[in-house]
C-alpha atoms as a PDB file:
ATOM      1  CA  MET A   1      64.364  92.755   1.850  1.00  0.00           C
ATOM      2  CA  SER A   2      65.947  93.438   5.561  1.00  0.00           C
ATOM      3  CA  GLY A   3      63.807  93.722   8.404  1.00  0.00           C
ATOM      4  CA  VAL A   4      63.275  96.529  10.900  1.00  0.00           C
ATOM      5  CA  ARG A   5      65.007  95.916  14.491  1.00  0.00           C
ATOM      6  CA  GLU A   6      62.427  96.489  16.987  1.00  0.00           C
ATOM      7  CA  GLN A   7      64.654  96.274  20.041  1.00  0.00           C
ATOM      8  CA  LEU A   8      68.051  97.863  20.809  1.00  0.00           C
ATOM      9  CA  PRO A   9      71.356  96.226  20.393  1.00  0.00           C
ATOM     10  CA  GLU A  10      71.982  94.225  23.102  1.00  0.00           C
ATOM     11  CA  ALA A  11      75.112  95.317  25.705  1.00  0.00           C
ATOM     12  CA  ARG A  12      75.336  98.680  23.967  1.00  0.00           C
ATOM     13  CA  TYR A  13      73.404 101.072  26.513  1.00  0.00           C
ATOM     14  CA  GLY A  14      73.993  98.961  29.866  1.00  0.00           C
ATOM     15  CA  ARG A  15      71.132  97.448  31.928  1.00  0.00           C
ATOM     16  CA  SER A  16      67.710  98.642  31.452  1.00  0.00           C
ATOM     17  CA  ALA A  17      65.773 100.057  34.312  1.00  0.00           C
ATOM     18  CA  ASP A  18      63.572  97.003  34.610  1.00  0.00           C
ATOM     19  CA  GLN A  19      66.806  94.719  34.987  1.00  0.00           C
ATOM     20  CA  ARG A  20      68.134  96.884  37.778  1.00  0.00           C
ATOM     21  CA  SER A  21      64.589  97.076  39.590  1.00  0.00           C
ATOM     22  CA  ASP A  22      64.255  93.150  39.745  1.00  0.00           C
ATOM     23  CA  ARG A  23      67.859  92.805  40.920  1.00  0.00           C
ATOM     24  CA  LYS A  24      66.737  95.331  43.693  1.00  0.00           C
ATOM     25  CA  LEU A  25      63.819  93.446  44.373  1.00  0.00           C
ATOM     26  CA  LYS A  26      65.718  89.970  44.485  1.00  0.00           C
ATOM     27  CA  ILE A  27      67.942  91.366  47.005  1.00  0.00           C
ATOM     28  CA  LEU A  28      65.483  92.747  49.160  1.00  0.00           C
ATOM     29  CA  GLY A  29      63.348  89.635  49.182  1.00  0.00           C
ATOM     30  CA  ALA A  30      66.116  87.495  50.234  1.00  0.00           C
ATOM     31  CA  VAL A  31      67.170  89.904  52.977  1.00  0.00           C
ATOM     32  CA  LEU A  32      63.139  90.018  54.433  1.00  0.00           C
ATOM     33  CA  GLY A  33      63.085  85.867  53.726  1.00  0.00           C
ATOM     34  CA  ALA A  34      66.429  85.456  55.926  1.00  0.00           C
ATOM     35  CA  GLY A  35      65.098  87.768  58.130  1.00  0.00           C
ATOM     36  CA  PHE A  36      61.711  85.923  58.663  1.00  0.00           C
ATOM     37  CA  VAL A  37      63.579  82.422  58.838  1.00  0.00           C
ATOM     38  CA  ALA A  38      65.618  83.876  61.686  1.00  0.00           C
ATOM     39  CA  MET A  39      62.541  85.315  63.638  1.00  0.00           C
ATOM     40  CA  VAL A  40      60.655  82.400  63.618  1.00  0.00           C
ATOM     41  CA  GLY A  41      63.656  80.014  64.685  1.00  0.00           C
ATOM     42  CA  TRP A  42      64.149  82.262  67.605  1.00  0.00           C
ATOM     43  CA  PHE A  43      60.701  82.238  68.658  1.00  0.00           C
ATOM     44  CA  GLY A  44      60.486  78.488  68.698  1.00  0.00           C
ATOM     45  CA  TYR A  45      63.820  78.184  70.487  1.00  0.00           C
ATOM     46  CA  ASP A  46      62.526  80.558  73.227  1.00  0.00           C
ATOM     47  CA  TYR A  47      59.231  78.568  73.435  1.00  0.00           C
ATOM     48  CA  ILE A  48      60.991  75.084  73.867  1.00  0.00           C
ATOM     49  CA  ALA A  49      63.692  76.600  76.140  1.00  0.00           C
ATOM     50  CA  GLU A  50      61.025  77.722  78.313  1.00  0.00           C
ATOM     51  CA  GLN A  51      59.314  74.524  78.553  1.00  0.00           C
ATOM     52  CA  LYS A  52      60.416  72.280  81.924  1.00  0.00           C
ATOM     53  CA  ILE A  53      57.323  69.982  81.498  1.00  0.00           C
ATOM     54  CA  SER A  54      55.783  68.177  78.402  1.00  0.00           C
ATOM     55  CA  ALA A  55      53.170  65.402  78.468  1.00  0.00           C
ATOM     56  CA  GLU A  56      51.603  63.389  75.697  1.00  0.00           C
ATOM     57  CA  LEU A  57      48.235  61.617  76.060  1.00  0.00           C
ATOM     58  CA  ILE A  58      49.111  57.805  75.344  1.00  0.00           C
ATOM     59  CA  LYS A  59      45.310  56.652  75.401  1.00  0.00           C
ATOM     60  CA  PHE A  60      42.016  57.190  77.033  1.00  0.00           C
ATOM     61  CA  ASP A  61      39.145  55.293  77.928  1.00  0.00           C
ATOM     62  CA  VAL A  62      35.275  56.355  78.617  1.00  0.00           C
ATOM     63  CA  THR A  63      34.576  54.204  81.573  1.00  0.00           C
ATOM     64  CA  SER A  64      30.986  55.453  82.028  1.00  0.00           C
ATOM     65  CA  ASP A  65      28.655  58.457  81.069  1.00  0.00           C
ATOM     66  CA  SER A  66      30.128  60.619  83.735  1.00  0.00           C
ATOM     67  CA  GLU A  67      34.005  59.561  83.520  1.00  0.00           C
ATOM     68  CA  VAL A  68      37.055  59.358  81.206  1.00  0.00           C
ATOM     69  CA  GLN A  69      40.228  57.602  82.285  1.00  0.00           C
ATOM     70  CA  VAL A  70      43.273  59.022  80.519  1.00  0.00           C
ATOM     71  CA  HIS A  71      46.706  57.756  80.680  1.00  0.00           C
ATOM     72  CA  LEU A  72      49.406  60.464  80.430  1.00  0.00           C
ATOM     73  CA  GLU A  73      53.332  60.195  80.188  1.00  0.00           C
ATOM     74  CA  ILE A  74      54.900  63.469  81.474  1.00  0.00           C
ATOM     75  CA  ARG A  75      58.508  64.558  80.865  1.00  0.00           C
ATOM     76  CA  LYS A  76      60.024  67.058  82.978  1.00  0.00           C
ATOM     77  CA  ASP A  77      63.427  68.179  84.850  1.00  0.00           C
ATOM     78  CA  ALA A  78      63.942  66.268  88.027  1.00  0.00           C
ATOM     79  CA  ASP A  79      63.184  69.353  89.950  1.00  0.00           C
ATOM     80  CA  ALA A  80      59.981  70.847  87.787  1.00  0.00           C
ATOM     81  CA  THR A  81      56.757  71.255  89.200  1.00  0.00           C
ATOM     82  CA  GLY A  82      53.727  72.471  87.436  1.00  0.00           C
ATOM     83  CA  THR A  83      50.219  71.508  85.949  1.00  0.00           C
ATOM     84  CA  CYS A  84      48.910  69.538  82.859  1.00  0.00           C
ATOM     85  CA  THR A  85      45.726  70.309  81.850  1.00  0.00           C
ATOM     86  CA  VAL A  86      43.521  67.685  79.958  1.00  0.00           C
ATOM     87  CA  ARG A  87      39.821  67.754  79.139  1.00  0.00           C
ATOM     88  CA  SER A  88      37.091  65.433  77.444  1.00  0.00           C
ATOM     89  CA  ARG A  89      34.184  66.678  74.904  1.00  0.00           C
ATOM     90  CA  SER A  90      31.276  65.370  74.023  1.00  0.00           C
ATOM     91  CA  ALA A  91      30.284  63.884  70.486  1.00  0.00           C
ATOM     92  CA  ASP A  92      29.009  67.287  69.617  1.00  0.00           C
ATOM     93  CA  GLY A  93      32.200  68.829  70.319  1.00  0.00           C
ATOM     94  CA  ALA A  94      31.316  70.525  73.414  1.00  0.00           C
ATOM     95  CA  GLU A  95      33.626  70.387  76.449  1.00  0.00           C
ATOM     96  CA  VAL A  96      32.046  67.967  79.165  1.00  0.00           C
ATOM     97  CA  GLY A  97      35.059  67.649  81.741  1.00  0.00           C
ATOM     98  CA  ARG A  98      38.294  69.294  82.590  1.00  0.00           C
ATOM     99  CA  LEU A  99      40.813  68.352  85.067  1.00  0.00           C
ATOM    100  CA  ASP A 100      44.311  70.253  86.210  1.00  0.00           C
ATOM    101  CA  VAL A 101      46.836  67.278  86.968  1.00  0.00           C
ATOM    102  CA  PRO A 102      49.473  68.281  89.291  1.00  0.00           C
ATOM    103  CA  VAL A 103      53.139  67.569  88.787  1.00  0.00           C
ATOM    104  CA  GLU A 104      55.308  67.505  91.527  1.00  0.00           C
ATOM    105  CA  ALA A 105      59.303  67.497  92.242  1.00  0.00           C
ATOM    106  CA  ARG A 106      59.937  63.655  93.125  1.00  0.00           C
ATOM    107  CA  GLY A 107      63.236  64.062  91.400  1.00  0.00           C
ATOM    108  CA  GLU A 108      61.608  61.810  88.289  1.00  0.00           C
ATOM    109  CA  ARG A 109      62.270  62.892  84.768  1.00  0.00           C
ATOM    110  CA  ARG A 110      59.268  60.589  83.338  1.00  0.00           C
ATOM    111  CA  ILE A 111      56.282  60.092  85.197  1.00  0.00           C
ATOM    112  CA  ASP A 112      53.237  57.808  83.657  1.00  0.00           C
ATOM    113  CA  GLN A 113      49.987  58.887  85.313  1.00  0.00           C
ATOM    114  CA  VAL A 114      46.397  57.517  85.129  1.00  0.00           C
ATOM    115  CA  VAL A 115      43.625  60.184  85.964  1.00  0.00           C
ATOM    116  CA  LYS A 116      40.161  60.333  85.585  1.00  0.00           C
ATOM    117  CA  ILE A 117      37.978  63.010  84.444  1.00  0.00           C
ATOM    118  CA  ARG A 118      34.634  63.348  86.027  1.00  0.00           C
ATOM    119  CA  THR A 119      32.362  64.576  83.124  1.00  0.00           C
ATOM    120  CA  LEU A 120      28.794  66.233  82.870  1.00  0.00           C
ATOM    121  CA  ALA A 121      27.503  64.543  79.925  1.00  0.00           C
ATOM    122  CA  LYS A 122      29.126  61.246  78.137  1.00  0.00           C
ATOM    123  CA  GLY A 123      32.438  62.129  76.979  1.00  0.00           C
ATOM    124  CA  THR A 124      33.962  60.949  73.569  1.00  0.00           C
ATOM    125  CA  THR A 125      36.990  62.106  73.398  1.00  0.00           C
ATOM    126  CA  ALA A 126      40.093  63.049  75.787  1.00  0.00           C
ATOM    127  CA  GLU A 127      42.817  65.859  74.735  1.00  0.00           C
ATOM    128  CA  LEU A 128      45.826  67.180  76.447  1.00  0.00           C
ATOM    129  CA  VAL A 129      45.246  70.949  76.436  1.00  0.00           C
ATOM    130  CA  GLN A 130      48.661  72.230  77.846  1.00  0.00           C
ATOM    131  CA  CYS A 131      51.402  71.608  80.482  1.00  0.00           C
ATOM    132  CA  ASN A 132      52.626  74.851  82.604  1.00  0.00           C
ATOM    133  CA  GLY A 133      55.405  74.726  84.997  1.00  0.00           C
ATOM    134  CA  GLY A 134      58.937  75.992  86.147  1.00  0.00           C
END
């Protein structure tokens, strides 16, 4: 007994419509993916290139119910000025203190600075919010 073939002979009638559309979708996906990666790279570079001041919160110490001491390390261009904002939060997450730390053009590229945040209630954390400048 011979079985009945359910499929067309391969390569006899060319590619099927499904194969052609799959190829087009793959090409479209590759082009869109490459465009997305390029866009993310451009925005990332643009963001980093504009920042003249960056900082890192090294440590903090809760000195009392109304004060938190913060140690910042600020990195900047020698002539850059601006501000870095730090804040303290209570145990329930509410902001209890905020301070804008001025960054002056002193010809230095790296500044270690200890500042005190006055708080309305006992602060349990301190965090660097942002640095702005030019």
